[in-house]
């Protein structure tokens, strides 16, 4: 979390309380500082978990997949070489399809793709294919072009063409009506223009901050070597914050690098402070969305399975590794047992 003394906030004076706008500004600053700390901690935990998964979990997963692929291939050979009763044969096929599908689609075991295709490909049926093609064509005309036609009417081409032309004309008129209905009113256009102008003003506020700090911290104007190094590092932080549209960080850096911090804020005009609050509220929304991504985004499952406190992470990794080692051991037993047709039949009876 940022150092509290460098958070840009208004401080109540002895005989005057803060205005509502100043209170909104302070509340937004505190919310962003809290969210930043949460996101930084979550990102750190996620990176640690990802590194440990690659090092500790993935090697075991590869060993497990290797054995499951070998098992599917063994069952495929048994299906073609052994004589099974019809019910057991159906069970074997279902088991092969289930295992191969998981390995191909979830673990990218492409060596089983052809095998899976063999077991799942439907038997050819010319009559069914003909009806399916006709049905697909009619659905295409209806769903894409909006035309409800019966391909059986092709026996009368002139009538079919007339009906097709009529429906296409009706569909075109319907779409034109929809487009006309969607035309924005003058009030809506004026509202959007006002919002656009407001956003441009907000962007100008961010640029003003960046320009002020750049003038103060430009290292080329510094003769003292030690101070020049410090300014180079400070300028890097300012530039990164500006390019990431991190208005909060620009304000915080202004408080950190410039003197008379409180006075800097009291000199901000009310209309400009209004834009500051608006921009900070937008940043809060973006950070809350980013926070939600940890629960719904691509890293959500990783965090759920392996995230948490150091103690929780250790317990989760220990449990996952134990489970994978046990599965590998069971697969080794199955590869040995299923080499015997009798053992395989006993297994199929239990399915």
Protein backbone atom coordinates (compact mmCIF):
# COMPACT_ATOMS: atom_id res chain seq x y z
CA UNK A 1 0.00 0.00 0.00
CA UNK A 2 1.17 3.55 -0.70
CA UNK A 3 2.69 5.52 2.14
CA UNK A 4 -0.20 7.40 3.85
CA UNK A 5 1.79 10.65 4.01
CA UNK A 6 1.98 10.66 0.21
CA UNK A 7 -1.73 10.16 -0.40
CA UNK A 8 -3.18 13.33 -1.96
CA UNK A 9 -5.97 14.29 0.45
CA UNK A 10 -7.61 17.40 1.85
CA UNK A 11 -7.10 18.10 5.57
CA UNK A 12 -9.81 20.01 7.50
CA UNK A 13 -8.67 23.42 8.68
CA UNK A 14 -9.21 24.64 12.24
CA UNK A 15 -12.37 26.65 11.54
CA UNK A 16 -13.58 25.11 8.30
CA UNK A 17 -14.83 21.65 7.41
CA UNK A 18 -14.28 19.95 4.09
CA UNK A 19 -16.75 20.50 1.28
CA UNK A 20 -18.77 17.57 -0.06
CA UNK A 21 -16.58 17.54 -3.18
CA UNK A 22 -13.40 17.45 -1.09
CA UNK A 23 -14.83 14.59 0.98
CA UNK A 24 -15.64 12.68 -2.24
CA UNK A 25 -12.08 13.27 -3.41
CA UNK A 26 -10.60 11.91 -0.15
CA UNK A 27 -12.94 8.89 -0.14
CA UNK A 28 -12.01 8.05 -3.74
CA UNK A 29 -8.30 8.30 -2.96
CA UNK A 30 -8.63 5.97 0.04
CA UNK A 31 -10.70 3.45 -1.97
CA UNK A 32 -8.16 3.35 -4.80
CA UNK A 33 -5.25 2.97 -2.38
CA UNK A 34 -7.04 0.00 -0.75
CA UNK A 35 -7.91 -1.61 -4.11
CA UNK A 36 -4.35 -1.19 -5.35
CA UNK A 37 -3.02 -3.01 -2.31
CA UNK A 38 -5.53 -5.85 -2.79
CA UNK A 39 -4.75 -6.20 -6.50
CA UNK A 40 -1.00 -6.16 -5.90
CA UNK A 41 -1.30 -8.88 -3.24
CA UNK A 42 -3.60 -10.97 -5.46
CA UNK A 43 -1.24 -10.61 -8.44
CA UNK A 44 1.73 -11.65 -6.29
CA UNK A 45 -0.09 -14.75 -5.01
CA UNK A 46 -1.19 -15.67 -8.53
CA UNK A 47 2.35 -15.43 -9.90
CA UNK A 48 3.72 -17.57 -7.07
CA UNK A 49 0.98 -20.15 -7.68
CA UNK A 50 1.60 -20.16 -11.43
CA UNK A 51 5.34 -20.72 -10.95
CA UNK A 52 4.77 -23.55 -8.49
CA UNK A 53 2.21 -25.19 -10.78
CA UNK A 54 4.74 -25.22 -13.61
CA UNK A 55 7.45 -26.63 -11.40
CA UNK A 56 5.56 -29.05 -9.14
CA UNK A 57 2.20 -29.91 -10.73
CA UNK A 58 2.75 -29.96 -14.50
CA UNK A 59 5.42 -32.74 -14.45
CA UNK A 60 2.98 -34.98 -12.55
CA UNK A 61 0.13 -34.05 -14.91
CA UNK A 62 2.29 -35.04 -17.91
CA UNK A 63 3.03 -38.41 -16.29
CA UNK A 64 -0.66 -38.93 -15.59
CA UNK A 65 -1.68 -38.02 -19.17
CA UNK A 66 1.01 -40.32 -20.59
CA UNK A 67 -0.45 -43.28 -18.69
CA UNK A 68 -4.07 -42.42 -19.52
CA UNK A 69 -3.19 -42.25 -23.22
CA UNK A 70 -1.49 -45.65 -22.96
CA UNK A 71 -4.59 -47.03 -21.24
CA UNK A 72 -6.93 -45.80 -24.01
CA UNK A 73 -4.64 -47.30 -26.64
CA UNK A 74 -4.59 -50.59 -24.74
CA UNK A 75 -8.41 -50.65 -24.57
CA UNK A 76 -8.62 -49.84 -28.30
CA UNK A 77 -6.42 -52.84 -29.09
CA UNK A 78 -8.55 -55.07 -26.82
CA UNK A 79 -11.73 -53.90 -28.57
CA UNK A 80 -10.42 -55.02 -31.97
CA UNK A 81 -8.63 -58.20 -30.82
CA UNK A 82 -10.93 -59.68 -28.20
CA UNK A 83 -14.47 -61.02 -28.46
CA UNK A 84 -16.80 -59.26 -26.00
CA UNK A 85 -20.56 -59.70 -25.47
CA UNK A 86 -22.59 -56.86 -27.00
CA UNK A 87 -23.33 -55.14 -23.68
CA UNK A 88 -19.67 -55.21 -22.60
CA UNK A 89 -18.60 -54.00 -26.04
CA UNK A 90 -20.95 -51.02 -25.75
CA UNK A 91 -19.59 -50.23 -22.29
CA UNK A 92 -16.02 -50.44 -23.59
CA UNK A 93 -16.78 -48.08 -26.46
CA UNK A 94 -18.41 -45.57 -24.10
CA UNK A 95 -15.44 -45.73 -21.74
CA UNK A 96 -12.94 -45.26 -24.59
CA UNK A 97 -14.87 -42.27 -25.96
CA UNK A 98 -15.14 -40.66 -22.51
CA UNK A 99 -11.43 -41.05 -21.75
CA UNK A 100 -10.20 -40.08 -25.22
CA UNK A 101 -12.48 -37.04 -25.39
CA UNK A 102 -11.18 -35.72 -22.06
CA UNK A 103 -7.56 -36.31 -23.07
CA UNK A 104 -7.94 -34.66 -26.49
CA UNK A 105 -10.01 -31.65 -25.48
CA UNK A 106 -8.79 -30.98 -21.95
CA UNK A 107 -5.18 -32.17 -22.07
CA UNK A 108 -4.49 -31.65 -25.81
CA UNK A 109 -3.45 -35.29 -26.34
CA UNK A 110 -3.66 -35.02 -30.13
CA UNK A 111 -2.21 -38.51 -30.56
CA UNK A 112 -5.71 -39.76 -29.69
CA UNK A 113 -7.61 -37.45 -32.05
CA UNK A 114 -7.81 -39.98 -34.90
CA UNK A 115 -8.82 -42.76 -32.52
CA UNK A 116 -11.58 -40.59 -31.04
CA UNK A 117 -12.82 -39.75 -34.53
CA UNK A 118 -13.10 -43.44 -35.38
CA UNK A 119 -15.31 -44.16 -32.39
CA UNK A 120 -17.51 -41.07 -32.67
CA UNK A 121 -17.94 -40.75 -36.46
CA UNK A 122 -21.57 -41.59 -37.43
CA UNK A 123 -22.25 -44.30 -39.97
CA UNK A 124 -22.95 -42.84 -43.45
CA UNK A 125 -26.65 -42.45 -44.38
CA UNK A 126 -27.14 -40.90 -47.85
CA UNK A 127 -30.88 -40.35 -47.42
CA UNK A 128 -30.41 -38.72 -44.03
CA UNK A 129 -27.57 -36.56 -45.40
CA UNK A 130 -29.84 -35.40 -48.25
CA UNK A 131 -32.59 -34.33 -45.83
CA UNK A 132 -30.04 -32.72 -43.53
CA UNK A 133 -28.59 -30.65 -46.38
CA UNK A 134 -32.06 -29.52 -47.42
CA UNK A 135 -32.91 -28.61 -43.83
CA UNK A 136 -29.63 -26.70 -43.40
CA UNK A 137 -30.32 -24.73 -46.58
CA UNK A 138 -33.80 -23.78 -45.42
CA UNK A 139 -32.44 -22.78 -42.00
CA UNK A 140 -29.77 -20.65 -43.68
CA UNK A 141 -32.37 -18.83 -45.75
CA UNK A 142 -34.54 -18.28 -42.69
CA UNK A 143 -31.95 -17.41 -40.03
CA UNK A 144 -29.46 -15.43 -42.10
CA UNK A 145 -31.62 -13.88 -44.82
CA UNK A 146 -34.92 -13.97 -42.93
CA UNK A 147 -36.66 -15.88 -45.74
CA UNK A 148 -39.23 -18.58 -44.88
CA UNK A 149 -39.25 -20.78 -47.99
CA UNK A 150 -39.94 -24.43 -48.70
CA UNK A 151 -37.41 -26.04 -51.00
CA UNK A 152 -40.10 -28.48 -52.15
CA UNK A 153 -41.55 -25.53 -54.13
CA UNK A 154 -38.59 -25.75 -56.52
CA UNK A 155 -40.82 -27.83 -58.78
CA UNK A 156 -42.41 -24.50 -59.83
CA UNK A 157 -39.43 -22.22 -60.32
CA UNK A 158 -41.42 -19.18 -61.43
CA UNK A 159 -43.69 -19.24 -58.38
CA UNK A 160 -40.71 -19.94 -56.12
CA UNK A 161 -38.80 -16.94 -57.54
CA UNK A 162 -41.81 -14.66 -57.13
CA UNK A 163 -42.26 -15.65 -53.50
CA UNK A 164 -38.53 -15.31 -52.84
CA UNK A 165 -38.46 -11.80 -54.34
CA UNK A 166 -41.48 -10.77 -52.26
CA UNK A 167 -39.97 -12.05 -49.01
CA UNK A 168 -36.63 -10.38 -49.74
CA UNK A 169 -38.44 -7.07 -50.35
CA UNK A 170 -40.38 -7.43 -47.09
CA UNK A 171 -37.21 -8.30 -45.19
CA UNK A 172 -35.40 -5.28 -46.62
CA UNK A 173 -38.28 -2.98 -45.61
CA UNK A 174 -38.29 -4.48 -42.11
CA UNK A 175 -34.57 -3.84 -41.68
CA UNK A 176 -34.89 -0.28 -42.97
CA UNK A 177 -37.62 0.34 -40.40
CA UNK A 178 -35.39 -1.02 -37.65
CA UNK A 179 -32.50 1.21 -38.72
CA UNK A 180 -34.79 4.23 -38.76
CA UNK A 181 -36.09 3.37 -35.31
CA UNK A 182 -32.53 3.20 -34.00
CA UNK A 183 -31.67 6.72 -35.19
CA UNK A 184 -30.65 8.74 -32.18
CA UNK A 185 -32.70 11.71 -31.11
CA UNK A 186 -31.19 15.19 -31.01
CA UNK A 187 -31.29 15.06 -27.21
CA UNK A 188 -29.31 11.81 -27.18
CA UNK A 189 -26.74 13.24 -29.58
CA UNK A 190 -26.36 16.37 -27.45
CA UNK A 191 -25.91 14.24 -24.33
CA UNK A 192 -23.18 12.17 -26.01
CA UNK A 193 -21.43 15.32 -27.25
CA UNK A 194 -21.44 16.72 -23.70
CA UNK A 195 -20.02 13.46 -22.34
CA UNK A 196 -17.30 13.46 -24.99
CA UNK A 197 -16.31 17.03 -24.08
CA UNK A 198 -16.25 16.07 -20.41
CA UNK A 199 -13.96 13.11 -21.06
CA UNK A 200 -11.64 15.33 -23.10
CA UNK A 201 -11.44 17.74 -20.15
CA UNK A 202 -10.63 14.83 -17.84
CA UNK A 203 -7.83 13.76 -20.16
CA UNK A 204 -6.47 17.31 -20.10
CA UNK A 205 -6.34 17.16 -16.29
CA UNK A 206 -4.17 14.06 -16.47
CA UNK A 207 -1.89 15.67 -19.06
CA UNK A 208 -1.53 18.81 -16.91
CA UNK A 209 -0.32 16.72 -13.99
CA UNK A 210 2.14 14.84 -16.18
CA UNK A 211 3.51 18.07 -17.69
CA UNK A 212 3.96 19.65 -14.25
CA UNK A 213 5.88 16.66 -12.94
CA UNK A 214 7.93 16.29 -16.11
CA UNK A 215 9.13 19.90 -15.81
CA UNK A 216 10.02 19.39 -12.15
CA UNK A 217 11.75 16.05 -12.56
CA UNK A 218 13.45 16.31 -15.95
CA UNK A 219 16.92 14.82 -15.27
CA UNK A 220 18.69 16.69 -18.10
CA UNK A 221 18.33 19.94 -16.17
CA UNK A 222 19.97 18.54 -13.05
CA UNK A 223 23.70 19.11 -12.58
CA UNK A 224 24.13 17.08 -9.40
CA UNK A 225 24.87 13.43 -10.37
CA UNK A 226 23.07 11.85 -7.41
CA UNK A 227 20.00 14.05 -7.90
CA UNK A 228 19.99 13.24 -11.63
CA UNK A 229 19.82 9.50 -10.89
CA UNK A 230 16.95 10.06 -8.45
CA UNK A 231 15.06 12.18 -10.99
CA UNK A 232 15.55 9.56 -13.72
CA UNK A 233 13.92 6.92 -11.52
CA UNK A 234 11.16 9.30 -10.46
CA UNK A 235 10.47 10.26 -14.08
CA UNK A 236 10.14 6.58 -15.01
CA UNK A 237 7.40 6.18 -12.40
CA UNK A 238 5.58 9.27 -13.64
CA UNK A 239 5.77 8.16 -17.28
CA UNK A 240 4.52 4.65 -16.48
CA UNK A 241 1.57 6.07 -14.51
CA UNK A 242 0.70 8.45 -17.35
CA UNK A 243 0.77 5.75 -20.04
CA UNK A 244 -1.32 3.42 -17.85
CA UNK A 245 -3.93 6.19 -17.35
CA UNK A 246 -3.34 5.86 -13.61
CA UNK A 247 -4.57 9.26 -12.47
CA UNK A 248 -4.40 8.25 -8.80
CA UNK A 249 -0.70 7.41 -9.12
CA UNK A 250 0.03 10.72 -10.85
CA UNK A 251 -1.62 12.56 -7.98
CA UNK A 252 0.24 10.46 -5.42
CA UNK A 253 3.58 11.08 -7.15
CA UNK A 254 2.81 14.78 -7.22
CA UNK A 255 2.32 14.68 -3.45
CA UNK A 256 5.51 12.67 -3.03
CA UNK A 257 7.80 14.73 -5.24
CA UNK A 258 6.51 18.28 -4.73
CA UNK A 259 6.63 20.42 -1.58
CA UNK A 260 3.70 22.16 0.10
CA UNK A 261 1.49 19.19 -0.64
CA UNK A 262 -1.70 20.42 1.00
CA UNK A 263 -1.43 23.77 -0.69
CA UNK A 264 -1.30 22.07 -4.10
CA UNK A 265 -4.80 20.68 -3.63
CA UNK A 266 -6.34 23.82 -2.14
CA UNK A 267 -5.24 25.70 -5.26
CA UNK A 268 -7.20 23.37 -7.56
CA UNK A 269 -10.33 25.16 -8.89
CA UNK A 270 -13.69 23.53 -8.08
CA UNK A 271 -14.51 22.67 -11.70
CA UNK A 272 -11.12 20.98 -12.09
CA UNK A 273 -11.60 19.14 -8.78
CA UNK A 274 -14.95 17.90 -10.11
CA UNK A 275 -13.11 16.37 -13.06
CA UNK A 276 -10.54 14.87 -10.69
CA UNK A 277 -13.31 13.14 -8.71
CA UNK A 278 -14.94 11.92 -11.93
CA UNK A 279 -11.65 10.49 -13.19
CA UNK A 280 -10.92 8.81 -9.87
CA UNK A 281 -14.40 7.23 -9.88
CA UNK A 282 -13.70 5.81 -13.34
CA UNK A 283 -10.43 4.38 -12.08
CA UNK A 284 -12.24 2.80 -9.12
CA UNK A 285 -14.69 1.12 -11.52
CA UNK A 286 -11.83 -0.21 -13.68
CA UNK A 287 -10.04 -1.59 -10.62
CA UNK A 288 -13.22 -3.20 -9.29
CA UNK A 289 -13.69 -4.85 -12.70
CA UNK A 290 -10.10 -6.05 -12.55
CA UNK A 291 -10.73 -7.40 -9.06
CA UNK A 292 -13.79 -9.30 -10.34
CA UNK A 293 -11.64 -10.92 -13.02
CA UNK A 294 -9.81 -12.83 -10.29
CA UNK A 295 -13.10 -14.59 -9.60
CA UNK A 296 -14.35 -14.94 -13.19
CA UNK A 297 -11.32 -14.42 -15.45
CA UNK A 298 -8.65 -16.81 -16.78
CA UNK A 299 -6.77 -16.93 -13.45
CA UNK A 300 -9.87 -17.58 -11.34
CA UNK A 301 -9.46 -21.36 -11.35
CA UNK A 302 -5.74 -21.10 -10.62
CA UNK A 303 -6.39 -18.91 -7.59
CA UNK A 304 -9.24 -21.10 -6.38
CA UNK A 305 -7.14 -24.26 -6.57
CA UNK A 306 -3.80 -22.92 -5.30
CA UNK A 307 -4.23 -19.36 -3.96
CA UNK A 308 -4.55 -18.10 -0.39
CA UNK A 309 -2.23 -17.51 2.54
CA UNK A 310 1.19 -19.23 2.46
CA UNK A 311 -0.17 -21.92 4.78
CA UNK A 312 -3.25 -22.45 2.62
CA UNK A 313 -1.18 -22.60 -0.56
CA UNK A 314 1.15 -25.18 0.92
CA UNK A 315 -1.79 -27.39 1.94
CA UNK A 316 -3.39 -27.08 -1.51
CA UNK A 317 -0.19 -28.00 -3.36
CA UNK A 318 0.48 -30.91 -1.04
CA UNK A 319 -3.05 -32.26 -1.60
CA UNK A 320 -2.88 -31.82 -5.39
CA UNK A 321 0.47 -33.61 -5.67
CA UNK A 322 -0.74 -36.43 -3.46
CA UNK A 323 -3.85 -36.88 -5.62
CA UNK A 324 -1.85 -36.96 -8.85
CA UNK A 325 0.65 -39.48 -7.49
CA UNK A 326 -2.19 -41.74 -6.37
CA UNK A 327 -3.87 -41.48 -9.79
CA UNK A 328 -0.60 -42.38 -11.54
CA UNK A 329 -0.25 -45.40 -9.26
CA UNK A 330 -3.82 -46.55 -10.04
CA UNK A 331 -3.20 -46.12 -13.77
CA UNK A 332 -0.08 -48.27 -13.53
CA UNK A 333 -2.18 -50.99 -11.87
CA UNK A 334 -4.87 -50.67 -14.58
CA UNK A 335 -2.33 -50.94 -17.40
CA UNK A 336 -1.10 -54.21 -15.89
CA UNK A 337 -4.55 -55.63 -15.07
CA UNK A 338 -6.25 -54.74 -18.36
CA UNK A 339 -3.59 -56.61 -20.30
CA UNK A 340 -5.58 -59.66 -19.18
CA UNK A 341 -8.95 -60.01 -21.06
CA UNK A 342 -10.49 -61.60 -17.97
CA UNK A 343 -9.62 -58.62 -15.75
CA UNK A 344 -10.93 -56.23 -18.40
CA UNK A 345 -14.24 -58.08 -18.56
CA UNK A 346 -14.58 -57.91 -14.78
CA UNK A 347 -13.99 -54.17 -14.97
CA UNK A 348 -16.60 -53.73 -17.71
CA UNK A 349 -19.20 -55.70 -15.73
CA UNK A 350 -18.78 -53.18 -12.92
CA UNK A 351 -19.46 -50.16 -15.15
